């Protein structure tokens, strides 16, 4: 049995929410998504927060929510793609659970996010350049904070989750 919280980090479109929900179900744990939690608490979309408060305003809200959620016990948490940018978030994630970095190719990320209008950082004429730039900036932070790195591709969610559970159990040994 996995004794710790499980926190998923990685770029938008890597599968954090999808894998997180299934992982939580498989382990009988509560699932949280930091972006959804921010929307629930504010009553507005992430895109609206970005528009009205800018990225800095959003990141401030994100730090507060991640600090609160990581204090809970026996949860699976999917973080936003940029959560690792703040040192406070990386510190809380490292100290309060196992961190899993879900990675994917730029092509897969673009394919999974191309129809989603609720991703303010991708509302640009050059989404491929934007994703490539974000990955160059954030991949070292994802790797630094992670206990496990798992590449998501075209495998089934159940395959990914069962493999992830095996890796998490080995961390407890």
N, C-alpha and C. Protein backbone atom coordinates (compact mmCIF):
# COMPACT_ATOMS: atom_id res chain seq x y z
N UNK A 1 0.84 -1.20 0.00
CA UNK A 1 0.00 0.00 0.00
C UNK A 1 0.88 1.24 0.00
N UNK A 2 0.52 2.21 -0.79
CA UNK A 2 1.29 3.44 -0.92
C UNK A 2 0.94 4.36 0.26
N UNK A 3 1.96 4.74 1.02
CA UNK A 3 1.73 5.45 2.27
C UNK A 3 1.61 6.96 2.13
N UNK A 4 1.90 7.49 0.98
CA UNK A 4 2.03 8.93 0.84
C UNK A 4 1.01 9.52 -0.13
N UNK A 5 0.83 10.84 -0.04
CA UNK A 5 0.08 11.56 -1.07
C UNK A 5 0.80 11.39 -2.40
N UNK A 6 0.05 11.57 -3.49
CA UNK A 6 0.64 11.48 -4.82
C UNK A 6 0.28 12.75 -5.57
N UNK A 7 1.31 13.44 -6.05
CA UNK A 7 1.14 14.70 -6.75
C UNK A 7 1.64 14.55 -8.18
N UNK A 8 0.80 14.91 -9.13
CA UNK A 8 1.16 14.80 -10.54
C UNK A 8 1.55 16.17 -11.09
N UNK A 9 2.71 16.23 -11.72
CA UNK A 9 3.19 17.45 -12.37
C UNK A 9 3.47 17.12 -13.83
N UNK A 10 3.55 18.16 -14.64
CA UNK A 10 3.85 17.98 -16.05
C UNK A 10 3.13 19.02 -16.88
N UNK A 11 3.41 19.03 -18.16
CA UNK A 11 2.81 20.05 -19.04
C UNK A 11 1.33 19.82 -19.28
N UNK A 12 0.66 20.90 -19.72
CA UNK A 12 -0.76 20.76 -20.07
C UNK A 12 -0.89 19.77 -21.21
N UNK A 13 -1.83 18.84 -21.04
CA UNK A 13 -2.03 17.82 -22.05
C UNK A 13 -1.29 16.52 -21.81
N UNK A 14 -0.50 16.44 -20.72
CA UNK A 14 0.26 15.21 -20.44
C UNK A 14 -0.63 14.12 -19.85
N UNK A 15 -1.81 14.50 -19.36
CA UNK A 15 -2.73 13.50 -18.81
C UNK A 15 -2.84 13.53 -17.30
N UNK A 16 -2.43 14.62 -16.65
CA UNK A 16 -2.44 14.66 -15.19
C UNK A 16 -3.84 14.44 -14.61
N UNK A 17 -4.84 15.12 -15.15
CA UNK A 17 -6.20 14.97 -14.62
C UNK A 17 -6.78 13.60 -14.94
N UNK A 18 -6.59 13.15 -16.15
CA UNK A 18 -7.14 11.85 -16.57
C UNK A 18 -6.48 10.71 -15.78
N UNK A 19 -5.16 10.71 -15.72
CA UNK A 19 -4.43 9.68 -14.96
C UNK A 19 -4.74 9.83 -13.47
N UNK A 20 -4.76 11.06 -13.00
CA UNK A 20 -5.02 11.31 -11.57
C UNK A 20 -6.35 10.78 -11.11
N UNK A 21 -7.40 11.01 -11.87
CA UNK A 21 -8.74 10.52 -11.50
C UNK A 21 -8.75 9.00 -11.42
N UNK A 22 -8.17 8.34 -12.42
CA UNK A 22 -8.15 6.88 -12.44
C UNK A 22 -7.25 6.33 -11.33
N UNK A 23 -6.13 6.97 -11.09
CA UNK A 23 -5.22 6.55 -10.01
C UNK A 23 -5.92 6.65 -8.67
N UNK A 24 -6.60 7.77 -8.43
CA UNK A 24 -7.32 7.97 -7.16
C UNK A 24 -8.40 6.91 -6.99
N UNK A 25 -9.12 6.62 -8.06
CA UNK A 25 -10.18 5.59 -8.01
C UNK A 25 -9.57 4.23 -7.69
N UNK A 26 -8.48 3.89 -8.35
CA UNK A 26 -7.82 2.60 -8.14
C UNK A 26 -7.32 2.45 -6.71
N UNK A 27 -6.89 3.56 -6.10
CA UNK A 27 -6.32 3.52 -4.75
C UNK A 27 -7.35 3.86 -3.66
N UNK A 28 -8.57 4.20 -4.06
CA UNK A 28 -9.60 4.57 -3.09
C UNK A 28 -9.29 5.88 -2.38
N UNK A 29 -8.77 6.84 -3.13
CA UNK A 29 -8.40 8.14 -2.57
C UNK A 29 -9.21 9.26 -3.19
N UNK A 30 -9.21 10.40 -2.53
CA UNK A 30 -9.83 11.60 -3.09
C UNK A 30 -8.91 12.18 -4.15
N UNK A 31 -9.51 12.70 -5.21
CA UNK A 31 -8.77 13.34 -6.28
C UNK A 31 -9.04 14.83 -6.28
N UNK A 32 -7.98 15.60 -6.45
CA UNK A 32 -8.08 17.05 -6.59
C UNK A 32 -7.30 17.50 -7.81
N UNK A 33 -7.80 18.54 -8.44
CA UNK A 33 -7.12 19.19 -9.56
C UNK A 33 -6.96 20.65 -9.12
N UNK A 34 -5.73 21.13 -9.01
CA UNK A 34 -5.51 22.47 -8.46
C UNK A 34 -6.21 23.55 -9.30
N UNK A 35 -6.20 23.41 -10.62
CA UNK A 35 -6.88 24.40 -11.46
C UNK A 35 -8.39 24.40 -11.21
N UNK A 36 -8.99 23.20 -11.13
CA UNK A 36 -10.44 23.10 -10.88
C UNK A 36 -10.77 23.66 -9.49
N UNK A 37 -9.89 23.44 -8.53
CA UNK A 37 -10.10 23.95 -7.19
C UNK A 37 -10.08 25.48 -7.18
N UNK A 38 -9.17 26.08 -7.94
CA UNK A 38 -9.12 27.54 -8.05
C UNK A 38 -10.42 28.06 -8.68
N UNK A 39 -10.88 27.39 -9.74
CA UNK A 39 -12.13 27.79 -10.39
C UNK A 39 -13.31 27.67 -9.43
N UNK A 40 -13.33 26.59 -8.65
CA UNK A 40 -14.41 26.37 -7.70
C UNK A 40 -14.43 27.48 -6.63
N UNK A 41 -13.26 27.83 -6.14
CA UNK A 41 -13.17 28.83 -5.08
C UNK A 41 -13.45 30.25 -5.56
N UNK A 42 -13.08 30.53 -6.80
CA UNK A 42 -13.27 31.90 -7.31
C UNK A 42 -14.58 32.07 -8.06
N UNK A 43 -15.13 30.97 -8.57
CA UNK A 43 -16.35 31.05 -9.35
C UNK A 43 -16.14 31.52 -10.78
N UNK A 44 -14.87 31.58 -11.21
CA UNK A 44 -14.56 32.00 -12.58
C UNK A 44 -13.53 31.06 -13.19
N UNK A 45 -13.36 31.14 -14.50
CA UNK A 45 -12.42 30.26 -15.19
C UNK A 45 -10.98 30.74 -15.02
N UNK A 46 -10.06 29.82 -15.23
CA UNK A 46 -8.63 30.16 -15.21
C UNK A 46 -8.35 31.22 -16.27
N UNK A 47 -8.96 31.08 -17.44
CA UNK A 47 -8.77 32.06 -18.51
C UNK A 47 -9.19 33.46 -18.05
N UNK A 48 -10.30 33.55 -17.33
CA UNK A 48 -10.77 34.84 -16.82
C UNK A 48 -9.77 35.42 -15.83
N UNK A 49 -9.25 34.58 -14.93
CA UNK A 49 -8.26 35.04 -13.94
C UNK A 49 -7.02 35.58 -14.67
N UNK A 50 -6.54 34.85 -15.67
CA UNK A 50 -5.39 35.31 -16.45
C UNK A 50 -5.69 36.67 -17.09
N UNK A 51 -6.89 36.80 -17.65
CA UNK A 51 -7.25 38.04 -18.33
C UNK A 51 -7.34 39.22 -17.36
N UNK A 52 -7.92 39.00 -16.20
CA UNK A 52 -8.17 40.09 -15.25
C UNK A 52 -6.98 40.36 -14.32
N UNK A 53 -6.28 39.31 -13.92
CA UNK A 53 -5.22 39.46 -12.93
C UNK A 53 -3.83 39.19 -13.48
N UNK A 54 -3.78 38.69 -14.71
CA UNK A 54 -2.50 38.33 -15.30
C UNK A 54 -1.98 37.02 -14.73
N UNK A 55 -0.88 36.56 -15.30
CA UNK A 55 -0.31 35.30 -14.83
C UNK A 55 0.14 35.40 -13.38
N UNK A 56 0.67 36.56 -12.98
CA UNK A 56 1.15 36.73 -11.60
C UNK A 56 0.01 36.56 -10.60
N UNK A 57 -1.16 37.11 -10.90
CA UNK A 57 -2.32 36.96 -10.02
C UNK A 57 -2.76 35.51 -9.92
N UNK A 58 -2.76 34.84 -11.06
CA UNK A 58 -3.11 33.42 -11.05
C UNK A 58 -2.12 32.60 -10.23
N UNK A 59 -0.82 32.85 -10.42
CA UNK A 59 0.21 32.08 -9.71
C UNK A 59 0.10 32.27 -8.20
N UNK A 60 -0.29 33.44 -7.76
CA UNK A 60 -0.49 33.69 -6.33
C UNK A 60 -1.62 32.81 -5.79
N UNK A 61 -2.73 32.76 -6.51
CA UNK A 61 -3.86 31.89 -6.12
C UNK A 61 -3.43 30.42 -6.13
N UNK A 62 -2.66 30.05 -7.15
CA UNK A 62 -2.21 28.67 -7.29
C UNK A 62 -1.34 28.25 -6.10
N UNK A 63 -0.43 29.12 -5.67
CA UNK A 63 0.44 28.80 -4.52
C UNK A 63 -0.38 28.52 -3.27
N UNK A 64 -1.39 29.35 -3.03
CA UNK A 64 -2.24 29.19 -1.85
C UNK A 64 -2.99 27.84 -1.89
N UNK A 65 -3.58 27.55 -3.04
CA UNK A 65 -4.34 26.31 -3.19
C UNK A 65 -3.43 25.08 -3.07
N UNK A 66 -2.27 25.11 -3.68
CA UNK A 66 -1.36 23.96 -3.60
C UNK A 66 -0.87 23.77 -2.17
N UNK A 67 -0.59 24.85 -1.47
CA UNK A 67 -0.18 24.74 -0.08
C UNK A 67 -1.27 24.07 0.75
N UNK A 68 -2.51 24.47 0.55
CA UNK A 68 -3.63 23.89 1.31
C UNK A 68 -3.89 22.43 0.92
N UNK A 69 -3.92 22.15 -0.36
CA UNK A 69 -4.24 20.79 -0.81
C UNK A 69 -3.15 19.79 -0.42
N UNK A 70 -1.89 20.19 -0.48
CA UNK A 70 -0.81 19.25 -0.14
C UNK A 70 -0.77 18.93 1.35
N UNK A 71 -1.49 19.69 2.17
CA UNK A 71 -1.59 19.41 3.61
C UNK A 71 -2.60 18.29 3.89
N UNK A 72 -3.48 18.00 2.93
CA UNK A 72 -4.46 16.93 3.12
C UNK A 72 -3.75 15.58 3.13
N UNK A 73 -4.45 14.55 3.56
CA UNK A 73 -3.85 13.21 3.64
C UNK A 73 -4.54 12.25 2.66
N UNK A 74 -3.76 11.33 2.13
CA UNK A 74 -4.27 10.27 1.23
C UNK A 74 -5.00 10.81 0.02
N UNK A 75 -4.38 11.73 -0.67
CA UNK A 75 -4.99 12.30 -1.87
C UNK A 75 -4.11 12.07 -3.09
N UNK A 76 -4.73 12.25 -4.25
CA UNK A 76 -4.03 12.35 -5.52
C UNK A 76 -4.34 13.76 -6.02
N UNK A 77 -3.30 14.51 -6.35
CA UNK A 77 -3.46 15.90 -6.80
C UNK A 77 -2.82 16.08 -8.16
N UNK A 78 -3.61 16.59 -9.11
CA UNK A 78 -3.09 17.00 -10.41
C UNK A 78 -2.85 18.50 -10.34
N UNK A 79 -1.62 18.92 -10.59
CA UNK A 79 -1.29 20.35 -10.54
C UNK A 79 -1.35 20.94 -11.94
N UNK A 80 -1.43 22.25 -12.00
CA UNK A 80 -1.38 22.94 -13.28
C UNK A 80 0.03 22.83 -13.86
N UNK A 81 0.14 23.00 -15.17
CA UNK A 81 1.43 22.84 -15.85
C UNK A 81 2.53 23.76 -15.34
N UNK A 82 2.16 24.94 -14.86
CA UNK A 82 3.16 25.90 -14.38
C UNK A 82 3.37 25.90 -12.89
N UNK A 83 2.75 24.98 -12.18
CA UNK A 83 2.86 24.96 -10.71
C UNK A 83 4.30 24.85 -10.24
N UNK A 84 5.14 24.18 -11.01
CA UNK A 84 6.53 23.98 -10.59
C UNK A 84 7.38 25.24 -10.70
N UNK A 85 6.84 26.30 -11.30
CA UNK A 85 7.61 27.53 -11.45
C UNK A 85 7.93 28.17 -10.10
N UNK A 86 7.05 28.00 -9.13
CA UNK A 86 7.26 28.61 -7.80
C UNK A 86 8.02 27.65 -6.90
N UNK A 87 9.12 28.13 -6.35
CA UNK A 87 9.92 27.32 -5.43
C UNK A 87 9.09 26.82 -4.25
N UNK A 88 8.17 27.66 -3.74
CA UNK A 88 7.32 27.23 -2.62
C UNK A 88 6.49 26.01 -2.99
N UNK A 89 5.98 25.97 -4.22
CA UNK A 89 5.21 24.81 -4.66
C UNK A 89 6.09 23.58 -4.74
N UNK A 90 7.27 23.72 -5.31
CA UNK A 90 8.17 22.56 -5.43
C UNK A 90 8.53 22.04 -4.04
N UNK A 91 8.78 22.93 -3.12
CA UNK A 91 9.13 22.53 -1.75
C UNK A 91 7.97 21.77 -1.10
N UNK A 92 6.74 22.30 -1.22
CA UNK A 92 5.56 21.65 -0.62
C UNK A 92 5.32 20.28 -1.26
N UNK A 93 5.42 20.20 -2.57
CA UNK A 93 5.19 18.93 -3.26
C UNK A 93 6.21 17.88 -2.81
N UNK A 94 7.48 18.26 -2.78
CA UNK A 94 8.55 17.33 -2.38
C UNK A 94 8.35 16.83 -0.95
N UNK A 95 7.99 17.74 -0.05
CA UNK A 95 7.94 17.44 1.37
C UNK A 95 6.70 16.65 1.78
N UNK A 96 5.62 16.73 0.98
CA UNK A 96 4.33 16.21 1.46
C UNK A 96 3.80 15.03 0.66
N UNK A 97 4.63 14.45 -0.22
CA UNK A 97 4.15 13.30 -0.97
C UNK A 97 5.12 12.87 -2.04
N UNK A 98 4.69 11.87 -2.80
CA UNK A 98 5.45 11.43 -3.96
C UNK A 98 5.04 12.29 -5.15
N UNK A 99 6.03 12.70 -5.92
CA UNK A 99 5.77 13.54 -7.10
C UNK A 99 6.03 12.72 -8.35
N UNK A 100 5.04 12.71 -9.23
CA UNK A 100 5.13 11.98 -10.49
C UNK A 100 5.08 12.99 -11.63
N UNK A 101 6.12 12.95 -12.46
CA UNK A 101 6.19 13.81 -13.64
C UNK A 101 5.65 13.03 -14.83
N UNK A 102 4.50 13.45 -15.35
CA UNK A 102 3.95 12.86 -16.56
C UNK A 102 4.46 13.68 -17.74
N UNK A 103 5.20 13.03 -18.61
CA UNK A 103 5.75 13.72 -19.77
C UNK A 103 5.15 13.18 -21.05
N UNK A 104 5.25 13.97 -22.11
CA UNK A 104 4.75 13.57 -23.43
C UNK A 104 5.49 14.40 -24.47
N UNK A 105 5.45 13.94 -25.70
CA UNK A 105 6.12 14.70 -26.77
C UNK A 105 5.33 15.98 -27.06
N UNK A 106 6.00 16.95 -27.65
CA UNK A 106 5.34 18.21 -28.03
C UNK A 106 4.17 17.91 -28.97
N UNK A 107 4.35 16.97 -29.89
CA UNK A 107 3.29 16.62 -30.84
C UNK A 107 2.06 16.08 -30.10
N UNK A 108 2.29 15.20 -29.12
CA UNK A 108 1.17 14.65 -28.36
C UNK A 108 0.48 15.75 -27.56
N UNK A 109 1.26 16.62 -26.94
CA UNK A 109 0.68 17.71 -26.15
C UNK A 109 -0.19 18.61 -27.02
N UNK A 110 0.30 18.94 -28.21
CA UNK A 110 -0.48 19.78 -29.12
C UNK A 110 -1.75 19.08 -29.58
N UNK A 111 -1.64 17.79 -29.89
CA UNK A 111 -2.81 17.03 -30.32
C UNK A 111 -3.88 16.98 -29.22
N UNK A 112 -3.44 16.83 -27.98
CA UNK A 112 -4.39 16.72 -26.87
C UNK A 112 -4.99 18.05 -26.45
N UNK A 113 -4.34 19.16 -26.78
CA UNK A 113 -4.83 20.46 -26.33
C UNK A 113 -5.35 21.36 -27.45
N UNK A 114 -5.27 20.93 -28.70
CA UNK A 114 -5.53 21.84 -29.82
C UNK A 114 -6.95 22.38 -29.89
N UNK A 115 -7.91 21.70 -29.31
CA UNK A 115 -9.30 22.17 -29.36
C UNK A 115 -9.72 22.89 -28.07
N UNK A 116 -8.85 22.91 -27.09
CA UNK A 116 -9.19 23.45 -25.77
C UNK A 116 -8.96 24.95 -25.71
N UNK A 117 -10.02 25.71 -25.59
CA UNK A 117 -9.92 27.17 -25.55
C UNK A 117 -9.70 27.68 -24.11
N UNK A 118 -9.67 26.77 -23.14
CA UNK A 118 -9.49 27.17 -21.75
C UNK A 118 -8.03 27.10 -21.31
N UNK A 119 -7.13 27.23 -22.24
CA UNK A 119 -5.70 27.21 -21.92
C UNK A 119 -5.10 28.54 -22.37
N UNK A 120 -5.09 29.51 -21.45
CA UNK A 120 -4.68 30.87 -21.84
C UNK A 120 -3.27 30.95 -22.44
N UNK A 121 -2.36 30.10 -22.00
CA UNK A 121 -0.99 30.18 -22.52
C UNK A 121 -0.87 29.69 -23.96
N UNK A 122 -1.91 29.00 -24.45
CA UNK A 122 -1.86 28.49 -25.82
C UNK A 122 -2.65 29.36 -26.80
N UNK A 123 -3.24 30.44 -26.31
CA UNK A 123 -4.01 31.32 -27.20
C UNK A 123 -3.05 32.24 -27.95
N UNK A 124 -2.37 31.63 -28.90
CA UNK A 124 -1.34 32.31 -29.69
C UNK A 124 -1.38 31.76 -31.10
N UNK A 125 -0.82 32.50 -32.03
CA UNK A 125 -0.77 32.04 -33.42
C UNK A 125 0.22 30.91 -33.65
N UNK A 126 1.12 30.72 -32.69
CA UNK A 126 2.17 29.70 -32.82
C UNK A 126 2.17 28.76 -31.61
N UNK A 127 1.12 27.95 -31.45
CA UNK A 127 1.07 27.10 -30.26
C UNK A 127 2.24 26.12 -30.15
N UNK A 128 2.74 25.63 -31.29
CA UNK A 128 3.87 24.69 -31.23
C UNK A 128 5.11 25.37 -30.64
N UNK A 129 5.38 26.60 -31.07
CA UNK A 129 6.51 27.34 -30.51
C UNK A 129 6.31 27.59 -29.02
N UNK A 130 5.07 27.88 -28.65
CA UNK A 130 4.77 28.16 -27.24
C UNK A 130 4.99 26.91 -26.39
N UNK A 131 4.49 25.77 -26.83
CA UNK A 131 4.66 24.53 -26.07
C UNK A 131 6.14 24.16 -25.99
N UNK A 132 6.87 24.30 -27.09
CA UNK A 132 8.30 23.99 -27.10
C UNK A 132 9.04 24.89 -26.09
N UNK A 133 8.69 26.17 -26.08
CA UNK A 133 9.31 27.10 -25.14
C UNK A 133 8.98 26.78 -23.69
N UNK A 134 7.72 26.47 -23.44
CA UNK A 134 7.30 26.11 -22.07
C UNK A 134 8.03 24.86 -21.60
N UNK A 135 8.18 23.88 -22.50
CA UNK A 135 8.87 22.64 -22.12
C UNK A 135 10.35 22.91 -21.83
N UNK A 136 10.98 23.76 -22.62
CA UNK A 136 12.39 24.08 -22.40
C UNK A 136 12.57 24.72 -21.02
N UNK A 137 11.63 25.56 -20.64
CA UNK A 137 11.70 26.25 -19.35
C UNK A 137 11.35 25.32 -18.18
N UNK A 138 10.32 24.50 -18.36
CA UNK A 138 9.75 23.76 -17.23
C UNK A 138 10.26 22.34 -17.06
N UNK A 139 10.69 21.67 -18.13
CA UNK A 139 11.11 20.27 -18.02
C UNK A 139 12.17 20.06 -16.94
N UNK A 140 13.19 20.93 -16.83
CA UNK A 140 14.18 20.72 -15.76
C UNK A 140 13.55 20.80 -14.37
N UNK A 141 12.55 21.65 -14.21
CA UNK A 141 11.86 21.78 -12.91
C UNK A 141 11.01 20.54 -12.62
N UNK A 142 10.32 20.04 -13.64
CA UNK A 142 9.54 18.80 -13.46
C UNK A 142 10.47 17.67 -13.04
N UNK A 143 11.59 17.52 -13.73
CA UNK A 143 12.54 16.44 -13.43
C UNK A 143 13.12 16.60 -12.03
N UNK A 144 13.43 17.83 -11.65
CA UNK A 144 14.03 18.10 -10.35
C UNK A 144 13.11 17.72 -9.19
N UNK A 145 11.82 17.97 -9.34
CA UNK A 145 10.89 17.76 -8.24
C UNK A 145 10.37 16.31 -8.18
N UNK A 146 10.52 15.57 -9.27
CA UNK A 146 9.86 14.26 -9.40
C UNK A 146 10.61 13.11 -8.74
N UNK A 147 9.83 12.22 -8.13
CA UNK A 147 10.34 10.93 -7.65
C UNK A 147 10.29 9.91 -8.78
N UNK A 148 9.31 10.08 -9.67
CA UNK A 148 9.09 9.16 -10.80
C UNK A 148 8.81 10.01 -12.03
N UNK A 149 9.40 9.62 -13.17
CA UNK A 149 9.02 10.23 -14.44
C UNK A 149 8.37 9.14 -15.29
N UNK A 150 7.19 9.46 -15.81
CA UNK A 150 6.44 8.49 -16.61
C UNK A 150 6.00 9.16 -17.89
N UNK A 151 6.41 8.59 -19.01
CA UNK A 151 6.03 9.14 -20.31
C UNK A 151 4.67 8.60 -20.69
N UNK A 152 3.75 9.52 -21.01
CA UNK A 152 2.42 9.09 -21.47
C UNK A 152 2.43 9.16 -22.98
N UNK A 153 1.90 8.15 -23.58
CA UNK A 153 1.87 8.10 -25.04
C UNK A 153 0.49 7.66 -25.48
N UNK A 154 0.45 6.60 -26.23
CA UNK A 154 -0.82 6.11 -26.74
C UNK A 154 -1.32 4.89 -25.96
N UNK A 155 -0.68 4.60 -24.81
CA UNK A 155 -1.14 3.47 -24.00
C UNK A 155 -2.49 3.81 -23.37
N UNK A 156 -3.21 2.78 -22.95
CA UNK A 156 -4.48 3.01 -22.27
C UNK A 156 -4.21 3.62 -20.90
N UNK A 157 -5.20 4.32 -20.39
CA UNK A 157 -5.08 4.94 -19.06
C UNK A 157 -4.85 3.84 -18.02
N UNK A 158 -5.57 2.73 -18.15
CA UNK A 158 -5.43 1.65 -17.17
C UNK A 158 -4.00 1.09 -17.17
N UNK A 159 -3.41 0.98 -18.34
CA UNK A 159 -2.03 0.50 -18.45
C UNK A 159 -1.08 1.47 -17.75
N UNK A 160 -1.25 2.76 -18.00
CA UNK A 160 -0.41 3.79 -17.38
C UNK A 160 -0.57 3.75 -15.86
N UNK A 161 -1.82 3.68 -15.40
CA UNK A 161 -2.09 3.70 -13.95
C UNK A 161 -1.54 2.46 -13.27
N UNK A 162 -1.73 1.30 -13.85
CA UNK A 162 -1.22 0.08 -13.18
C UNK A 162 0.30 0.09 -13.12
N UNK A 163 0.96 0.57 -14.17
CA UNK A 163 2.42 0.70 -14.14
C UNK A 163 2.88 1.72 -13.11
N UNK A 164 2.14 2.81 -12.99
CA UNK A 164 2.46 3.85 -12.02
C UNK A 164 2.30 3.34 -10.59
N UNK A 165 1.26 2.59 -10.34
CA UNK A 165 1.05 2.02 -8.99
C UNK A 165 2.21 1.12 -8.61
N UNK A 166 2.67 0.30 -9.53
CA UNK A 166 3.82 -0.58 -9.25
C UNK A 166 5.05 0.25 -8.89
N UNK A 167 5.30 1.32 -9.64
CA UNK A 167 6.46 2.17 -9.35
C UNK A 167 6.32 2.87 -8.00
N UNK A 168 5.12 3.34 -7.69
CA UNK A 168 4.89 4.01 -6.39
C UNK A 168 5.08 3.03 -5.24
N UNK A 169 4.58 1.82 -5.41
CA UNK A 169 4.75 0.80 -4.35
C UNK A 169 6.22 0.51 -4.11
N UNK A 170 7.02 0.52 -5.16
CA UNK A 170 8.46 0.24 -4.99
C UNK A 170 9.15 1.37 -4.20
N UNK A 171 8.61 2.58 -4.26
CA UNK A 171 9.18 3.69 -3.47
C UNK A 171 8.96 3.49 -1.98
N UNK A 172 7.90 2.77 -1.62
CA UNK A 172 7.57 2.53 -0.21
C UNK A 172 8.38 1.40 0.41
N UNK A 173 9.13 0.66 -0.39
CA UNK A 173 9.84 -0.50 0.12
C UNK A 173 11.16 -0.14 0.75
